[in-house]
Amino acid sequence: RFGPVHNSAVIITADGIVSQYDKVHLLPFTERPPGERLFTALGWIDPYRRFILSVLGYIGTGVPASEVRLLSIPNRKLPPFWTPLCFELADARLAREARAKGARYFLNLTSEGDLGPQIYWNTMAVSVLRAVELHVGLARCGNMGISCVIDPWGRLTHQLRGRSGSLWGESGLLKARVPLGPRTTTVYARLGDWPAGVAALVLLIAAAFAIQERRKLGKA
C-alpha cells in the first residue's frame, strides 16, 4: 500500500533522498478539498466529494505536513533553507516559522500555470516582501512564472529571461549566488502581526473617543 500523498521537495544524492520538505499549506480543491472534517462530521463527505469531482473532473487527495521542515545538504557547510512550494510563500506564518528554525534563504519552487502576468507579478511582489520583512535571501524557480534571485534588502539581483527577452513562457538557465540573510532576525520575524493588531485597536478606540466628543459638542 502507498502511504500519504504529499507535495514535496527533496534533495537526492547517490545515497538516495537525504532531505525532504512536505508542503504544509495545500491549495484548496486543487490539492485537497477544504472542510473535509466538517463534512465528515455531518455525514456529507461522499456527496461533497462527488460534487467536487463533477465540477473539476478530479479531486485532490493530498495530505498536508504538520510543520515546516528545512532542507540541508549533508557534508556541506551550508545553512539549512526552506523550500516553500508554489503559493506557500504567501503564508507569513510559515515563513516566520522557517526563519525561526534557522533558514537564512528561501528557495521558492512554483508553477503558476496559465493564471497570467498579473499573478506572476503579484507573487513576485510577495517574494520581495518576504525577503525584506524576514531579511532572507530568496530564489524563485518558476516552471511558469518569474525565476529570479532577491537579496535580503528586497533588491532584484538576477532574472531569468528567454531568448526573446520574456520573463516567462520560455526555457532558460540562470546561474547565480543566493545571498544569505544575517543570523539575527527582524522585529517582524520575532513578533509577528500582533503589533499591527494593537495599533489597529488603538486607532479604533481613538476614533470612538473622537466620535463621542463630536456628539457632545453637537449637543452643546
Protein backbone atom coordinates (compact mmCIF):
# COMPACT_ATOMS: atom_id res chain seq x y z
CA ARG A 1 0.00 0.00 0.00
CA PHE A 2 1.09 3.52 -0.71
CA GLY A 3 1.37 5.98 2.17
CA PRO A 4 0.02 9.54 2.34
CA VAL A 5 0.36 11.63 -0.82
CA HIS A 6 2.48 14.73 -0.20
CA ASN A 7 3.59 17.55 -2.46
CA SER A 8 7.30 17.52 -1.66
CA ALA A 9 10.71 18.97 -2.42
CA VAL A 10 13.64 16.61 -1.97
CA ILE A 11 17.43 16.55 -2.16
CA ILE A 12 18.71 13.40 -3.82
CA THR A 13 22.31 12.17 -3.71
CA ALA A 14 23.95 8.86 -4.54
CA ASP A 15 22.61 7.67 -1.19
CA GLY A 16 19.01 8.42 -2.18
CA ILE A 17 16.71 11.03 -0.64
CA VAL A 18 18.73 12.74 2.08
CA SER A 19 16.43 15.67 2.87
CA GLN A 20 12.72 16.25 2.27
CA TYR A 21 10.16 19.01 2.79
CA ASP A 22 6.44 18.21 2.60
CA LYS A 23 4.08 21.03 1.76
CA VAL A 24 2.12 22.35 4.75
CA HIS A 25 -0.38 24.75 3.17
CA LEU A 26 -2.19 22.89 0.39
CA LEU A 27 -4.09 24.71 -2.33
CA PRO A 28 -7.85 24.35 -1.74
CA PHE A 29 -9.63 21.98 -4.16
CA THR A 30 -6.56 21.54 -6.39
CA GLU A 31 -4.56 19.63 -3.78
CA ARG A 32 -7.12 18.95 -1.07
CA PRO A 33 -10.85 19.65 -0.65
CA PRO A 34 -11.36 22.21 2.12
CA GLY A 35 -13.67 21.41 5.03
CA GLU A 36 -13.31 17.64 4.87
CA ARG A 37 -13.53 17.25 8.64
CA LEU A 38 -16.73 19.28 8.82
CA PHE A 39 -18.45 17.38 6.01
CA THR A 40 -17.30 14.07 7.50
CA ALA A 41 -18.80 15.02 10.88
CA LEU A 42 -22.07 15.98 9.16
CA GLY A 43 -22.11 12.71 7.20
CA TRP A 44 -21.97 14.56 3.87
CA ILE A 45 -18.43 13.70 2.81
CA ASP A 46 -19.38 11.39 -0.09
CA PRO A 47 -21.86 13.85 -1.72
CA TYR A 48 -19.31 16.63 -1.16
CA ARG A 49 -16.57 14.71 -2.96
CA ARG A 50 -18.92 13.72 -5.78
CA PHE A 51 -19.85 17.38 -6.23
CA ILE A 52 -16.19 18.46 -6.47
CA LEU A 53 -15.48 15.62 -8.90
CA SER A 54 -18.42 16.64 -11.09
CA VAL A 55 -17.28 20.27 -11.21
CA LEU A 56 -13.50 19.90 -11.54
CA GLY A 57 -13.24 16.45 -13.10
CA TYR A 58 -10.80 15.34 -10.40
CA ILE A 59 -10.38 15.55 -6.65
CA GLY A 60 -7.22 16.39 -4.76
CA THR A 61 -6.02 13.73 -2.32
CA GLY A 62 -3.00 15.50 -0.83
CA VAL A 63 -2.07 15.31 2.83
CA PRO A 64 -0.55 18.41 4.48
CA ALA A 65 2.55 18.19 6.63
CA SER A 66 2.17 19.22 10.26
CA GLU A 67 5.17 21.55 10.44
CA VAL A 68 7.78 23.40 8.43
CA ARG A 69 11.00 21.46 7.87
CA LEU A 70 14.20 22.87 6.45
CA LEU A 71 16.29 21.17 3.79
CA SER A 72 20.00 20.65 4.23
CA ILE A 73 22.79 19.11 2.18
CA PRO A 74 24.86 16.53 4.09
CA ASN A 75 28.60 17.14 4.45
CA ARG A 76 28.31 20.69 3.12
CA LYS A 77 28.94 23.79 5.20
CA LEU A 78 25.75 25.43 4.05
CA PRO A 79 22.96 26.70 6.29
CA PRO A 80 19.62 24.90 6.01
CA PHE A 81 16.97 26.51 3.82
CA TRP A 82 13.21 26.49 3.33
CA THR A 83 11.54 25.49 0.07
CA PRO A 84 8.03 26.98 0.02
CA LEU A 85 6.06 25.26 -2.72
CA CYS A 86 4.00 27.45 -5.04
CA PHE A 87 1.81 29.96 -3.15
CA GLU A 88 3.08 28.82 0.28
CA LEU A 89 5.40 31.81 0.21
CA ALA A 90 2.33 33.99 0.75
CA ASP A 91 1.77 32.37 4.16
CA ALA A 92 3.60 34.68 6.56
CA ARG A 93 3.16 32.28 9.49
CA LEU A 94 5.06 29.50 7.72
CA ALA A 95 7.78 31.89 6.56
CA ARG A 96 8.30 33.16 10.13
CA GLU A 97 8.46 29.57 11.38
CA ALA A 98 11.14 28.74 8.82
CA ARG A 99 13.17 31.81 9.78
CA ALA A 100 12.86 30.95 13.48
CA LYS A 101 14.26 27.48 12.73
CA GLY A 102 17.37 28.98 11.18
CA ALA A 103 16.64 29.44 7.46
CA ARG A 104 18.71 32.29 6.05
CA TYR A 105 17.47 31.87 2.49
CA PHE A 106 14.36 30.51 0.79
CA LEU A 107 14.05 28.59 -2.48
CA ASN A 108 10.53 29.00 -3.87
CA LEU A 109 9.57 26.25 -6.36
CA THR A 110 6.47 27.37 -8.19
CA SER A 111 4.31 26.70 -11.22
CA GLU A 112 1.70 29.39 -11.73
CA GLY A 113 0.30 27.86 -14.89
CA ASP A 114 -1.95 29.91 -17.13
CA LEU A 115 -3.03 32.37 -14.42
CA GLY A 116 -1.35 35.16 -16.35
CA PRO A 117 1.09 38.05 -15.87
CA GLN A 118 -0.97 39.70 -13.12
CA ILE A 119 -0.45 36.65 -10.87
CA TYR A 120 3.21 36.35 -11.88
CA TRP A 121 3.91 39.93 -10.83
CA ASN A 122 1.80 39.57 -7.69
CA THR A 123 3.72 36.52 -6.44
CA MET A 124 6.93 38.30 -7.37
CA ALA A 125 5.92 41.23 -5.16
CA VAL A 126 5.12 38.82 -2.30
CA SER A 127 8.61 37.35 -2.69
CA VAL A 128 10.18 40.79 -2.31
CA LEU A 129 8.05 41.42 0.77
CA ARG A 130 9.12 38.15 2.42
CA ALA A 131 12.80 38.86 1.73
CA VAL A 132 12.58 42.28 3.37
CA GLU A 133 10.37 41.50 6.37
CA LEU A 134 12.40 38.42 7.35
CA HIS A 135 15.77 39.60 5.99
CA VAL A 136 16.48 36.46 3.96
CA GLY A 137 17.89 35.80 0.53
CA LEU A 138 15.32 34.34 -1.85
CA ALA A 139 15.44 32.46 -5.15
CA ARG A 140 12.38 31.67 -7.26
CA CYS A 141 12.30 28.81 -9.78
CA GLY A 142 9.14 29.06 -11.86
CA ASN A 143 8.06 26.41 -14.35
CA MET A 144 5.58 29.09 -15.37
CA GLY A 145 6.20 32.41 -13.69
CA ILE A 146 9.21 34.60 -12.91
CA SER A 147 12.50 32.96 -11.96
CA CYS A 148 14.84 35.31 -10.11
CA VAL A 149 17.09 35.99 -7.14
CA ILE A 150 16.27 38.60 -4.47
CA ASP A 151 18.64 39.78 -1.76
CA PRO A 152 17.67 40.31 1.92
CA TRP A 153 17.02 44.01 1.24
CA GLY A 154 14.45 43.23 -1.44
CA ARG A 155 16.67 44.08 -4.37
CA LEU A 156 16.26 42.02 -7.52
CA THR A 157 19.79 40.85 -8.35
CA HIS A 158 19.14 38.35 -11.17
CA GLN A 159 16.27 37.47 -13.52
CA LEU A 160 15.87 34.65 -15.99
CA ARG A 161 14.87 35.76 -19.49
CA GLY A 162 14.16 33.65 -22.54
CA ARG A 163 15.63 34.17 -25.99
CA SER A 164 13.03 36.81 -26.80
CA GLY A 165 13.65 38.62 -23.51
CA SER A 166 10.44 37.36 -21.90
CA LEU A 167 10.39 36.70 -18.15
CA TRP A 168 8.06 33.72 -18.54
CA GLY A 169 6.88 31.15 -21.05
CA GLU A 170 10.35 30.32 -22.36
CA SER A 171 13.02 27.91 -21.16
CA GLY A 172 16.38 29.13 -19.96
CA LEU A 173 19.18 28.75 -17.44
CA LEU A 174 20.01 31.10 -14.58
CA LYS A 175 23.21 30.59 -12.58
CA ALA A 176 23.64 32.92 -9.63
CA ARG A 177 24.62 33.05 -5.98
CA VAL A 178 21.78 33.42 -3.48
CA PRO A 179 22.78 35.93 -0.79
CA LEU A 180 22.33 34.80 2.79
CA GLY A 181 20.42 36.79 5.34
CA PRO A 182 22.12 37.59 8.65
CA ARG A 183 21.85 35.25 11.62
CA THR A 184 19.96 37.92 13.53
CA THR A 185 16.25 38.23 12.71
CA THR A 186 13.97 41.20 12.16
CA VAL A 187 11.42 42.64 14.57
CA TYR A 188 8.63 41.19 12.44
CA ALA A 189 10.23 37.74 12.49
CA ARG A 190 10.27 37.84 16.29
CA LEU A 191 6.91 39.48 17.00
CA GLY A 192 4.71 38.72 14.00
CA ASP A 193 1.49 40.62 13.31
CA TRP A 194 0.33 41.42 16.84
CA PRO A 195 1.88 44.96 16.95
CA ALA A 196 -0.23 45.82 13.89
CA GLY A 197 -3.30 44.43 15.66
CA VAL A 198 -2.58 46.55 18.74
CA ALA A 199 -2.10 49.63 16.55
CA ALA A 200 -5.45 48.97 14.82
CA LEU A 201 -7.17 48.57 18.20
CA VAL A 202 -5.69 51.86 19.47
CA LEU A 203 -6.86 53.57 16.28
CA LEU A 204 -10.42 52.25 16.74
CA ILE A 205 -10.50 53.40 20.37
CA ALA A 206 -9.23 56.84 19.38
CA ALA A 207 -11.84 57.06 16.63
CA ALA A 208 -14.60 56.09 19.09
CA PHE A 209 -13.50 58.81 21.52
CA ALA A 210 -13.35 61.36 18.70
CA ILE A 211 -16.91 60.49 17.59
CA GLN A 212 -18.14 60.73 21.17
CA GLU A 213 -16.54 64.15 21.67
CA ARG A 214 -18.06 65.41 18.42
CA ARG A 215 -21.51 64.29 19.57
CA LYS A 216 -21.04 66.13 22.87
CA LEU A 217 -20.09 69.32 21.02
CA GLY A 218 -23.10 68.91 18.78
CA LYS A 219 -25.45 68.66 21.74
CA ALA A 220 -23.86 71.69 23.37
